[in-house]
Amino acid sequence: MSSDVDHQVCGMSLAIDVVGGKWKLHLMWVLGEGPQRFGNIRRLLAGVSEKVLTENLRHLEAAGVVRREIFPEIPPRVEYSLTPLGETLRDALAPLEAWGDRHRAVLV
């Protein structure tokens, strides 16, 4: 079954395309705290490489859930934040986080 067909059948496949993978959900959580600079995101997500973080941020930006803002300063400052669409996705993910917290003892 092609992914186009999946998208016609189930909205879940669209959502998984956006947040699937090891780091994207973590990125949504970090950016949900407010705008973040790349270096701070990297510190908060111990274990992610610069390359993987960059790829994941670009994917989320392309999906329209993350905004990359470049400030015209010397040196340039770049901040990442959730777009309004990203905020709605964060709201949709909140019950998943609550489920994980509720069942932490069984899952860990």
PDB file of N, CA and C in Angstrom:
ATOM      1  N   MET A   1       0.848  -1.172   0.000  1.00  0.00           N
ATOM      2  CA  MET A   1       0.000   0.000   0.000  1.00  0.00           C
ATOM      3  C   MET A   1       0.899   1.243   0.000  1.00  0.00           C
ATOM      4  N   SER A   2       0.700   2.160  -0.913  1.00  0.00           N
ATOM      5  CA  SER A   2       1.532   3.358  -0.974  1.00  0.00           C
ATOM      6  C   SER A   2       1.128   4.334   0.117  1.00  0.00           C
ATOM      7  N   SER A   3       2.048   5.252   0.441  1.00  0.00           N
ATOM      8  CA  SER A   3       1.740   6.199   1.510  1.00  0.00           C
ATOM      9  C   SER A   3       0.617   7.135   1.095  1.00  0.00           C
ATOM     10  N   ASP A   4       0.450   7.422  -0.208  1.00  0.00           N
ATOM     11  CA  ASP A   4      -0.665   8.263  -0.645  1.00  0.00           C
ATOM     12  C   ASP A   4      -1.987   7.611  -0.309  1.00  0.00           C
ATOM     13  N   VAL A   5      -2.087   6.299  -0.512  1.00  0.00           N
ATOM     14  CA  VAL A   5      -3.306   5.578  -0.184  1.00  0.00           C
ATOM     15  C   VAL A   5      -3.512   5.596   1.329  1.00  0.00           C
ATOM     16  N   ASP A   6      -2.430   5.382   2.094  1.00  0.00           N
ATOM     17  CA  ASP A   6      -2.523   5.438   3.557  1.00  0.00           C
ATOM     18  C   ASP A   6      -3.108   6.764   4.003  1.00  0.00           C
ATOM     19  N   HIS A   7      -2.665   7.859   3.395  1.00  0.00           N
ATOM     20  CA  HIS A   7      -3.121   9.181   3.786  1.00  0.00           C
ATOM     21  C   HIS A   7      -4.596   9.376   3.477  1.00  0.00           C
ATOM     22  N   GLN A   8      -5.104   8.718   2.446  1.00  0.00           N
ATOM     23  CA  GLN A   8      -6.519   8.830   2.127  1.00  0.00           C
ATOM     24  C   GLN A   8      -7.366   8.023   3.100  1.00  0.00           C
ATOM     25  N   VAL A   9      -6.800   6.969   3.647  1.00  0.00           N
ATOM     26  CA  VAL A   9      -7.549   6.086   4.530  1.00  0.00           C
ATOM     27  C   VAL A   9      -7.535   6.585   5.968  1.00  0.00           C
ATOM     28  N   CYS A  10      -6.404   7.051   6.452  1.00  0.00           N
ATOM     29  CA  CYS A  10      -6.263   7.314   7.881  1.00  0.00           C
ATOM     30  C   CYS A  10      -5.426   8.564   8.138  1.00  0.00           C
ATOM     31  N   GLY A  11      -5.999   9.504   8.872  1.00  0.00           N
ATOM     32  CA  GLY A  11      -5.260  10.700   9.258  1.00  0.00           C
ATOM     33  C   GLY A  11      -4.076  10.389  10.149  1.00  0.00           C
ATOM     34  N   MET A  12      -4.116   9.239  10.816  1.00  0.00           N
ATOM     35  CA  MET A  12      -3.005   8.850  11.689  1.00  0.00           C
ATOM     36  C   MET A  12      -1.710   8.740  10.893  1.00  0.00           C
ATOM     37  N   SER A  13      -1.783   8.238   9.663  1.00  0.00           N
ATOM     38  CA  SER A  13      -0.564   8.104   8.860  1.00  0.00           C
ATOM     39  C   SER A  13       0.015   9.477   8.529  1.00  0.00           C
ATOM     40  N   LEU A  14      -0.838  10.484   8.351  1.00  0.00           N
ATOM     41  CA  LEU A  14      -0.339  11.844   8.127  1.00  0.00           C
ATOM     42  C   LEU A  14       0.399  12.347   9.360  1.00  0.00           C
ATOM     43  N   ALA A  15      -0.200  12.139  10.524  1.00  0.00           N
ATOM     44  CA  ALA A  15       0.422  12.590  11.770  1.00  0.00           C
ATOM     45  C   ALA A  15       1.742  11.869  12.015  1.00  0.00           C
ATOM     46  N   ILE A  16       1.783  10.573  11.762  1.00  0.00           N
ATOM     47  CA  ILE A  16       3.010   9.805  11.974  1.00  0.00           C
ATOM     48  C   ILE A  16       4.103  10.268  11.020  1.00  0.00           C
ATOM     49  N   ASP A  17       3.736  10.637   9.799  1.00  0.00           N
ATOM     50  CA  ASP A  17       4.721  11.173   8.862  1.00  0.00           C
ATOM     51  C   ASP A  17       5.373  12.439   9.430  1.00  0.00           C
ATOM     52  N   VAL A  18       4.608  13.232  10.156  1.00  0.00           N
ATOM     53  CA  VAL A  18       5.137  14.473  10.702  1.00  0.00           C
ATOM     54  C   VAL A  18       6.012  14.210  11.927  1.00  0.00           C
ATOM     55  N   VAL A  19       5.539  13.388  12.873  1.00  0.00           N
ATOM     56  CA  VAL A  19       6.246  13.241  14.154  1.00  0.00           C
ATOM     57  C   VAL A  19       6.950  11.906  14.341  1.00  0.00           C
ATOM     58  N   GLY A  20       6.902  11.049  13.336  1.00  0.00           N
ATOM     59  CA  GLY A  20       7.536   9.744  13.470  1.00  0.00           C
ATOM     60  C   GLY A  20       9.043   9.849  13.558  1.00  0.00           C
ATOM     61  N   GLY A  21       9.640   8.877  14.181  1.00  0.00           N
ATOM     62  CA  GLY A  21      11.082   8.853  14.355  1.00  0.00           C
ATOM     63  C   GLY A  21      11.452   9.110  15.804  1.00  0.00           C
ATOM     64  N   LYS A  22      12.707   8.925  16.101  1.00  0.00           N
ATOM     65  CA  LYS A  22      13.170   8.988  17.482  1.00  0.00           C
ATOM     66  C   LYS A  22      13.124  10.391  18.083  1.00  0.00           C
ATOM     67  N   TRP A  23      13.401  11.433  17.296  1.00  0.00           N
ATOM     68  CA  TRP A  23      13.621  12.752  17.876  1.00  0.00           C
ATOM     69  C   TRP A  23      12.504  13.756  17.686  1.00  0.00           C
ATOM     70  N   LYS A  24      11.609  13.552  16.750  1.00  0.00           N
ATOM     71  CA  LYS A  24      10.614  14.592  16.445  1.00  0.00           C
ATOM     72  C   LYS A  24       9.643  14.841  17.583  1.00  0.00           C
ATOM     73  N   LEU A  25       9.203  13.803  18.259  1.00  0.00           N
ATOM     74  CA  LEU A  25       8.322  14.017  19.411  1.00  0.00           C
ATOM     75  C   LEU A  25       9.054  14.762  20.511  1.00  0.00           C
ATOM     76  N   HIS A  26      10.322  14.432  20.709  1.00  0.00           N
ATOM     77  CA  HIS A  26      11.124  15.141  21.706  1.00  0.00           C
ATOM     78  C   HIS A  26      11.277  16.619  21.318  1.00  0.00           C
ATOM     79  N   LEU A  27      11.468  16.876  20.042  1.00  0.00           N
ATOM     80  CA  LEU A  27      11.568  18.256  19.569  1.00  0.00           C
ATOM     81  C   LEU A  27      10.281  19.021  19.817  1.00  0.00           C
ATOM     82  N   MET A  28       9.149  18.375  19.584  1.00  0.00           N
ATOM     83  CA  MET A  28       7.860  19.022  19.835  1.00  0.00           C
ATOM     84  C   MET A  28       7.743  19.396  21.311  1.00  0.00           C
ATOM     85  N   TRP A  29       8.199  18.518  22.184  1.00  0.00           N
ATOM     86  CA  TRP A  29       8.146  18.775  23.618  1.00  0.00           C
ATOM     87  C   TRP A  29       9.045  19.961  23.986  1.00  0.00           C
ATOM     88  N   VAL A  30      10.275  19.977  23.483  1.00  0.00           N
ATOM     89  CA  VAL A  30      11.214  21.061  23.777  1.00  0.00           C
ATOM     90  C   VAL A  30      10.681  22.387  23.247  1.00  0.00           C
ATOM     91  N   LEU A  31      10.194  22.403  22.015  1.00  0.00           N
ATOM     92  CA  LEU A  31       9.706  23.649  21.424  1.00  0.00           C
ATOM     93  C   LEU A  31       8.385  24.092  22.038  1.00  0.00           C
ATOM     94  N   GLY A  32       7.672  23.169  22.658  1.00  0.00           N
ATOM     95  CA  GLY A  32       6.447  23.526  23.366  1.00  0.00           C
ATOM     96  C   GLY A  32       6.710  24.415  24.568  1.00  0.00           C
ATOM     97  N   GLU A  33       7.952  24.437  25.032  1.00  0.00           N
ATOM     98  CA  GLU A  33       8.335  25.292  26.159  1.00  0.00           C
ATOM     99  C   GLU A  33       8.594  26.732  25.711  1.00  0.00           C
ATOM    100  N   GLY A  34       8.615  26.959  24.399  1.00  0.00           N
ATOM    101  CA  GLY A  34       8.861  28.300  23.868  1.00  0.00           C
ATOM    102  C   GLY A  34      10.001  28.276  22.870  1.00  0.00           C
ATOM    103  N   PRO A  35      10.259  29.423  22.228  1.00  0.00           N
ATOM    104  CA  PRO A  35      11.318  29.495  21.220  1.00  0.00           C
ATOM    105  C   PRO A  35      12.665  29.054  21.800  1.00  0.00           C
ATOM    106  N   GLN A  36      13.415  28.333  20.972  1.00  0.00           N
ATOM    107  CA  GLN A  36      14.704  27.782  21.415  1.00  0.00           C
ATOM    108  C   GLN A  36      15.747  27.984  20.321  1.00  0.00           C
ATOM    109  N   ARG A  37      16.957  28.227  20.749  1.00  0.00           N
ATOM    110  CA  ARG A  37      18.086  28.275  19.825  1.00  0.00           C
ATOM    111  C   ARG A  37      18.616  26.861  19.626  1.00  0.00           C
ATOM    112  N   PHE A  38      19.289  26.642  18.501  1.00  0.00           N
ATOM    113  CA  PHE A  38      19.775  25.317  18.126  1.00  0.00           C
ATOM    114  C   PHE A  38      20.639  24.703  19.224  1.00  0.00           C
ATOM    115  N   GLY A  39      21.580  25.467  19.737  1.00  0.00           N
ATOM    116  CA  GLY A  39      22.489  24.944  20.758  1.00  0.00           C
ATOM    117  C   GLY A  39      21.755  24.507  22.018  1.00  0.00           C
ATOM    118  N   ASN A  40      20.737  25.255  22.402  1.00  0.00           N
ATOM    119  CA  ASN A  40      19.971  24.891  23.590  1.00  0.00           C
ATOM    120  C   ASN A  40      19.158  23.619  23.345  1.00  0.00           C
ATOM    121  N   ILE A  41      18.586  23.498  22.156  1.00  0.00           N
ATOM    122  CA  ILE A  41      17.842  22.272  21.821  1.00  0.00           C
ATOM    123  C   ILE A  41      18.787  21.080  21.917  1.00  0.00           C
ATOM    124  N   ARG A  42      19.975  21.237  21.384  1.00  0.00           N
ATOM    125  CA  ARG A  42      20.952  20.146  21.390  1.00  0.00           C
ATOM    126  C   ARG A  42      21.340  19.754  22.814  1.00  0.00           C
ATOM    127  N   ARG A  43      21.482  20.749  23.688  1.00  0.00           N
ATOM    128  CA  ARG A  43      21.795  20.456  25.097  1.00  0.00           C
ATOM    129  C   ARG A  43      20.634  19.728  25.780  1.00  0.00           C
ATOM    130  N   LEU A  44      19.415  20.133  25.467  1.00  0.00           N
ATOM    131  CA  LEU A  44      18.243  19.520  26.097  1.00  0.00           C
ATOM    132  C   LEU A  44      18.001  18.094  25.610  1.00  0.00           C
ATOM    133  N   LEU A  45      18.407  17.802  24.378  1.00  0.00           N
ATOM    134  CA  LEU A  45      18.211  16.472  23.806  1.00  0.00           C
ATOM    135  C   LEU A  45      19.554  15.741  23.745  1.00  0.00           C
ATOM    136  N   ALA A  46      20.024  15.347  24.880  1.00  0.00           N
ATOM    137  CA  ALA A  46      21.313  14.659  24.963  1.00  0.00           C
ATOM    138  C   ALA A  46      21.289  13.415  24.076  1.00  0.00           C
ATOM    139  N   GLY A  47      22.323  13.274  23.285  1.00  0.00           N
ATOM    140  CA  GLY A  47      22.446  12.089  22.441  1.00  0.00           C
ATOM    141  C   GLY A  47      22.115  12.325  20.980  1.00  0.00           C
ATOM    142  N   VAL A  48      21.476  13.442  20.648  1.00  0.00           N
ATOM    143  CA  VAL A  48      21.158  13.706  19.246  1.00  0.00           C
ATOM    144  C   VAL A  48      22.367  14.376  18.597  1.00  0.00           C
ATOM    145  N   SER A  49      22.696  13.931  17.387  1.00  0.00           N
ATOM    146  CA  SER A  49      23.810  14.552  16.666  1.00  0.00           C
ATOM    147  C   SER A  49      23.330  15.840  16.008  1.00  0.00           C
ATOM    148  N   GLU A  50      24.272  16.702  15.691  1.00  0.00           N
ATOM    149  CA  GLU A  50      23.944  17.957  15.022  1.00  0.00           C
ATOM    150  C   GLU A  50      23.249  17.688  13.684  1.00  0.00           C
ATOM    151  N   LYS A  51      23.747  16.713  12.945  1.00  0.00           N
ATOM    152  CA  LYS A  51      23.177  16.373  11.636  1.00  0.00           C
ATOM    153  C   LYS A  51      21.730  15.903  11.769  1.00  0.00           C
ATOM    154  N   VAL A  52      21.479  15.005  12.695  1.00  0.00           N
ATOM    155  CA  VAL A  52      20.124  14.466  12.879  1.00  0.00           C
ATOM    156  C   VAL A  52      19.180  15.554  13.375  1.00  0.00           C
ATOM    157  N   LEU A  53      19.661  16.386  14.286  1.00  0.00           N
ATOM    158  CA  LEU A  53      18.826  17.475  14.785  1.00  0.00           C
ATOM    159  C   LEU A  53      18.452  18.426  13.655  1.00  0.00           C
ATOM    160  N   THR A  54      19.423  18.777  12.835  1.00  0.00           N
ATOM    161  CA  THR A  54      19.166  19.661  11.693  1.00  0.00           C
ATOM    162  C   THR A  54      18.146  19.042  10.747  1.00  0.00           C
ATOM    163  N   GLU A  55      18.311  17.766  10.416  1.00  0.00           N
ATOM    164  CA  GLU A  55      17.379  17.080   9.512  1.00  0.00           C
ATOM    165  C   GLU A  55      15.965  17.064  10.085  1.00  0.00           C
ATOM    166  N   ASN A  56      15.849  16.778  11.366  1.00  0.00           N
ATOM    167  CA  ASN A  56      14.534  16.707  11.993  1.00  0.00           C
ATOM    168  C   ASN A  56      13.867  18.080  12.069  1.00  0.00           C
ATOM    169  N   LEU A  57      14.636  19.105  12.394  1.00  0.00           N
ATOM    170  CA  LEU A  57      14.083  20.461  12.410  1.00  0.00           C
ATOM    171  C   LEU A  57      13.614  20.867  11.015  1.00  0.00           C
ATOM    172  N   ARG A  58      14.393  20.531  10.000  1.00  0.00           N
ATOM    173  CA  ARG A  58      14.000  20.864   8.616  1.00  0.00           C
ATOM    174  C   ARG A  58      12.725  20.131   8.217  1.00  0.00           C
ATOM    175  N   HIS A  59      12.600  18.872   8.619  1.00  0.00           N
ATOM    176  CA  HIS A  59      11.397  18.104   8.297  1.00  0.00           C
ATOM    177  C   HIS A  59      10.178  18.730   8.972  1.00  0.00           C
ATOM    178  N   LEU A  60      10.309  19.083  10.241  1.00  0.00           N
ATOM    179  CA  LEU A  60       9.188  19.696  10.951  1.00  0.00           C
ATOM    180  C   LEU A  60       8.854  21.070  10.375  1.00  0.00           C
ATOM    181  N   GLU A  61       9.875  21.792   9.930  1.00  0.00           N
ATOM    182  CA  GLU A  61       9.641  23.084   9.288  1.00  0.00           C
ATOM    183  C   GLU A  61       8.905  22.892   7.959  1.00  0.00           C
ATOM    184  N   ALA A  62       9.332  21.911   7.176  1.00  0.00           N
ATOM    185  CA  ALA A  62       8.677  21.634   5.892  1.00  0.00           C
ATOM    186  C   ALA A  62       7.229  21.201   6.080  1.00  0.00           C
ATOM    187  N   ALA A  63       6.953  20.523   7.185  1.00  0.00           N
ATOM    188  CA  ALA A  63       5.583  20.081   7.479  1.00  0.00           C
ATOM    189  C   ALA A  63       4.715  21.236   7.983  1.00  0.00           C
ATOM    190  N   GLY A  64       5.342  22.356   8.297  1.00  0.00           N
ATOM    191  CA  GLY A  64       4.584  23.526   8.735  1.00  0.00           C
ATOM    192  C   GLY A  64       4.315  23.589  10.224  1.00  0.00           C
ATOM    193  N   VAL A  65       4.982  22.746  11.015  1.00  0.00           N
ATOM    194  CA  VAL A  65       4.727  22.759  12.458  1.00  0.00           C
ATOM    195  C   VAL A  65       5.822  23.493  13.243  1.00  0.00           C
ATOM    196  N   VAL A  66       6.950  23.781  12.599  1.00  0.00           N
ATOM    197  CA  VAL A  66       8.042  24.512  13.240  1.00  0.00           C
ATOM    198  C   VAL A  66       8.403  25.710  12.372  1.00  0.00           C
ATOM    199  N   ARG A  67       8.674  26.814  13.041  1.00  0.00           N
ATOM    200  CA  ARG A  67       9.101  28.044  12.371  1.00  0.00           C
ATOM    201  C   ARG A  67      10.580  28.264  12.702  1.00  0.00           C
ATOM    202  N   ARG A  68      11.341  28.620  11.701  1.00  0.00           N
ATOM    203  CA  ARG A  68      12.762  28.981  11.872  1.00  0.00           C
ATOM    204  C   ARG A  68      12.861  30.468  11.612  1.00  0.00           C
ATOM    205  N   GLU A  69      13.267  31.218  12.633  1.00  0.00           N
ATOM    206  CA  GLU A  69      13.348  32.663  12.502  1.00  0.00           C
ATOM    207  C   GLU A  69      14.796  33.104  12.651  1.00  0.00           C
ATOM    208  N   ILE A  70      15.269  33.852  11.655  1.00  0.00           N
ATOM    209  CA  ILE A  70      16.635  34.367  11.658  1.00  0.00           C
ATOM    210  C   ILE A  70      16.562  35.848  12.020  1.00  0.00           C
ATOM    211  N   PHE A  71      17.266  36.230  13.068  1.00  0.00           N
ATOM    212  CA  PHE A  71      17.289  37.621  13.492  1.00  0.00           C
ATOM    213  C   PHE A  71      18.493  38.316  12.873  1.00  0.00           C
ATOM    214  N   PRO A  72      18.271  39.501  12.287  1.00  0.00           N
ATOM    215  CA  PRO A  72      19.370  40.212  11.601  1.00  0.00           C
ATOM    216  C   PRO A  72      20.319  40.870  12.595  1.00  0.00           C
ATOM    217  N   GLU A  73      21.117  40.047  13.236  1.00  0.00           N
ATOM    218  CA  GLU A  73      22.103  40.520  14.206  1.00  0.00           C
ATOM    219  C   GLU A  73      23.469  40.012  13.776  1.00  0.00           C
ATOM    220  N   ILE A  74      24.484  40.541  14.411  1.00  0.00           N
ATOM    221  CA  ILE A  74      25.843  40.062  14.158  1.00  0.00           C
ATOM    222  C   ILE A  74      26.354  39.480  15.470  1.00  0.00           C
ATOM    223  N   PRO A  75      26.627  38.194  15.552  1.00  0.00           N
ATOM    224  CA  PRO A  75      26.330  37.153  14.566  1.00  0.00           C
ATOM    225  C   PRO A  75      24.830  36.868  14.522  1.00  0.00           C
ATOM    226  N   PRO A  76      24.362  36.307  13.410  1.00  0.00           N
ATOM    227  CA  PRO A  76      22.932  36.034  13.273  1.00  0.00           C
ATOM    228  C   PRO A  76      22.453  35.083  14.372  1.00  0.00           C
ATOM    229  N   ARG A  77      21.270  35.352  14.870  1.00  0.00           N
ATOM    230  CA  ARG A  77      20.645  34.499  15.877  1.00  0.00           C
ATOM    231  C   ARG A  77      19.473  33.797  15.206  1.00  0.00           C
ATOM    232  N   VAL A  78      19.376  32.485  15.406  1.00  0.00           N
ATOM    233  CA  VAL A  78      18.298  31.685  14.826  1.00  0.00           C
ATOM    234  C   VAL A  78      17.518  31.043  15.963  1.00  0.00           C
ATOM    235  N   GLU A  79      16.206  31.186  15.922  1.00  0.00           N
ATOM    236  CA  GLU A  79      15.346  30.551  16.916  1.00  0.00           C
ATOM    237  C   GLU A  79      14.315  29.681  16.214  1.00  0.00           C
ATOM    238  N   TYR A  80      13.990  28.573  16.871  1.00  0.00           N
ATOM    239  CA  TYR A  80      12.963  27.657  16.392  1.00  0.00           C
ATOM    240  C   TYR A  80      11.797  27.718  17.359  1.00  0.00           C
ATOM    241  N   SER A  81      10.588  27.687  16.807  1.00  0.00           N
ATOM    242  CA  SER A  81       9.392  27.708  17.638  1.00  0.00           C
ATOM    243  C   SER A  81       8.278  26.958  16.915  1.00  0.00           C
ATOM    244  N   LEU A  82       7.227  26.641  17.660  1.00  0.00           N
ATOM    245  CA  LEU A  82       6.075  25.989  17.049  1.00  0.00           C
ATOM    246  C   LEU A  82       5.223  27.022  16.332  1.00  0.00           C
ATOM    247  N   THR A  83       4.705  26.647  15.185  1.00  0.00           N
ATOM    248  CA  THR A  83       3.735  27.465  14.473  1.00  0.00           C
ATOM    249  C   THR A  83       2.364  27.218  15.109  1.00  0.00           C
ATOM    250  N   PRO A  84       1.340  27.967  14.707  1.00  0.00           N
ATOM    251  CA  PRO A  84      -0.002  27.657  15.210  1.00  0.00           C
ATOM    252  C   PRO A  84      -0.409  26.202  14.912  1.00  0.00           C
ATOM    253  N   LEU A  85      -0.035  25.691  13.742  1.00  0.00           N
ATOM    254  CA  LEU A  85      -0.306  24.291  13.419  1.00  0.00           C
ATOM    255  C   LEU A  85       0.449  23.370  14.368  1.00  0.00           C
ATOM    256  N   GLY A  86       1.692  23.721  14.674  1.00  0.00           N
ATOM    257  CA  GLY A  86       2.488  22.948  15.616  1.00  0.00           C
ATOM    258  C   GLY A  86       1.892  22.952  17.007  1.00  0.00           C
ATOM    259  N   GLU A  87       1.318  24.077  17.415  1.00  0.00           N
ATOM    260  CA  GLU A  87       0.661  24.151  18.730  1.00  0.00           C
ATOM    261  C   GLU A  87      -0.534  23.199  18.786  1.00  0.00           C
ATOM    262  N   THR A  88      -1.284  23.111  17.689  1.00  0.00           N
ATOM    263  CA  THR A  88      -2.427  22.188  17.691  1.00  0.00           C
ATOM    264  C   THR A  88      -1.943  20.742  17.741  1.00  0.00           C
ATOM    265  N   LEU A  89      -0.820  20.470  17.087  1.00  0.00           N
ATOM    266  CA  LEU A  89      -0.250  19.124  17.148  1.00  0.00           C
ATOM    267  C   LEU A  89       0.244  18.826  18.558  1.00  0.00           C
ATOM    268  N   ARG A  90       0.862  19.795  19.189  1.00  0.00           N
ATOM    269  CA  ARG A  90       1.309  19.634  20.579  1.00  0.00           C
ATOM    270  C   ARG A  90       0.119  19.314  21.483  1.00  0.00           C
ATOM    271  N   ASP A  91      -0.987  20.021  21.274  1.00  0.00           N
ATOM    272  CA  ASP A  91      -2.199  19.746  22.056  1.00  0.00           C
ATOM    273  C   ASP A  91      -2.697  18.321  21.818  1.00  0.00           C
ATOM    274  N   ALA A  92      -2.601  17.875  20.572  1.00  0.00           N
ATOM    275  CA  ALA A  92      -3.048  16.517  20.241  1.00  0.00           C
ATOM    276  C   ALA A  92      -2.134  15.462  20.864  1.00  0.00           C
ATOM    277  N   LEU A  93      -0.858  15.789  21.053  1.00  0.00           N
ATOM    278  CA  LEU A  93       0.101  14.844  21.627  1.00  0.00           C
ATOM    279  C   LEU A  93       0.046  14.801  23.155  1.00  0.00           C
ATOM    280  N   ALA A  94      -0.560  15.800  23.777  1.00  0.00           N
ATOM    281  CA  ALA A  94      -0.617  15.865  25.241  1.00  0.00           C
ATOM    282  C   ALA A  94      -1.239  14.612  25.862  1.00  0.00           C
ATOM    283  N   PRO A  95      -2.337  14.064  25.320  1.00  0.00           N
ATOM    284  CA  PRO A  95      -2.880  12.835  25.909  1.00  0.00           C
ATOM    285  C   PRO A  95      -1.919  11.649  25.811  1.00  0.00           C
ATOM    286  N   LEU A  96      -1.108  11.602  24.776  1.00  0.00           N
ATOM    287  CA  LEU A  96      -0.119  10.537  24.643  1.00  0.00           C
ATOM    288  C   LEU A  96       0.933  10.659  25.752  1.00  0.00           C
ATOM    289  N   GLU A  97       1.356  11.881  26.027  1.00  0.00           N
ATOM    290  CA  GLU A  97       2.305  12.109  27.115  1.00  0.00           C
ATOM    291  C   GLU A  97       1.687  11.716  28.457  1.00  0.00           C
ATOM    292  N   ALA A  98       0.426  12.093  28.653  1.00  0.00           N
ATOM    293  CA  ALA A  98      -0.258  11.749  29.908  1.00  0.00           C
ATOM    294  C   ALA A  98      -0.370  10.229  30.063  1.00  0.00           C
ATOM    295  N   TRP A  99      -0.646   9.534  28.972  1.00  0.00           N
ATOM    296  CA  TRP A  99      -0.728   8.071  29.008  1.00  0.00           C
ATOM    297  C   TRP A  99       0.619   7.480  29.427  1.00  0.00           C
ATOM    298  N   GLY A 100       1.696   7.992  28.854  1.00  0.00           N
ATOM    299  CA  GLY A 100       3.033   7.510  29.211  1.00  0.00           C
ATOM    300  C   GLY A 100       3.348   7.764  30.668  1.00  0.00           C
ATOM    301  N   ASP A 101       2.989   8.951  31.157  1.00  0.00           N
ATOM    302  CA  ASP A 101       3.216   9.257  32.571  1.00  0.00           C
ATOM    303  C   ASP A 101       2.408   8.325  33.472  1.00  0.00           C
ATOM    304  N   ARG A 102       1.157   8.074  33.105  1.00  0.00           N
ATOM    305  CA  ARG A 102       0.274   7.200  33.908  1.00  0.00           C
ATOM    306  C   ARG A 102       0.784   5.774  33.980  1.00  0.00           C
ATOM    307  N   HIS A 103       1.396   5.308  32.916  1.00  0.00           N
ATOM    308  CA  HIS A 103       1.816   3.910  32.831  1.00  0.00           C
ATOM    309  C   HIS A 103       3.326   3.722  32.913  1.00  0.00           C
ATOM    310  N   ARG A 104       4.013   4.752  33.384  1.00  0.00           N
ATOM    311  CA  ARG A 104       5.477   4.721  33.463  1.00  0.00           C
ATOM    312  C   ARG A 104       6.002   3.496  34.207  1.00  0.00           C
ATOM    313  N   ALA A 105       5.413   3.161  35.331  1.00  0.00           N
ATOM    314  CA  ALA A 105       5.903   2.036  36.155  1.00  0.00           C
ATOM    315  C   ALA A 105       5.846   0.708  35.404  1.00  0.00           C
ATOM    316  N   VAL A 106       4.855   0.547  34.567  1.00  0.00           N
ATOM    317  CA  VAL A 106       4.689  -0.702  33.815  1.00  0.00           C
ATOM    318  C   VAL A 106       5.609  -0.721  32.592  1.00  0.00           C
ATOM    319  N   LEU A 107       5.837   0.438  31.998  1.00  0.00           N
ATOM    320  CA  LEU A 107       6.567   0.524  30.737  1.00  0.00           C
ATOM    321  C   LEU A 107       8.076   0.584  30.898  1.00  0.00           C
ATOM    322  N   VAL A 108       8.543   1.037  32.052  1.00  0.00           N
ATOM    323  CA  VAL A 108       9.998   1.226  32.237  1.00  0.00           C
ATOM    324  C   VAL A 108      10.595   0.030  32.940  1.00  0.00           C
TER     325      VAL A 108
END
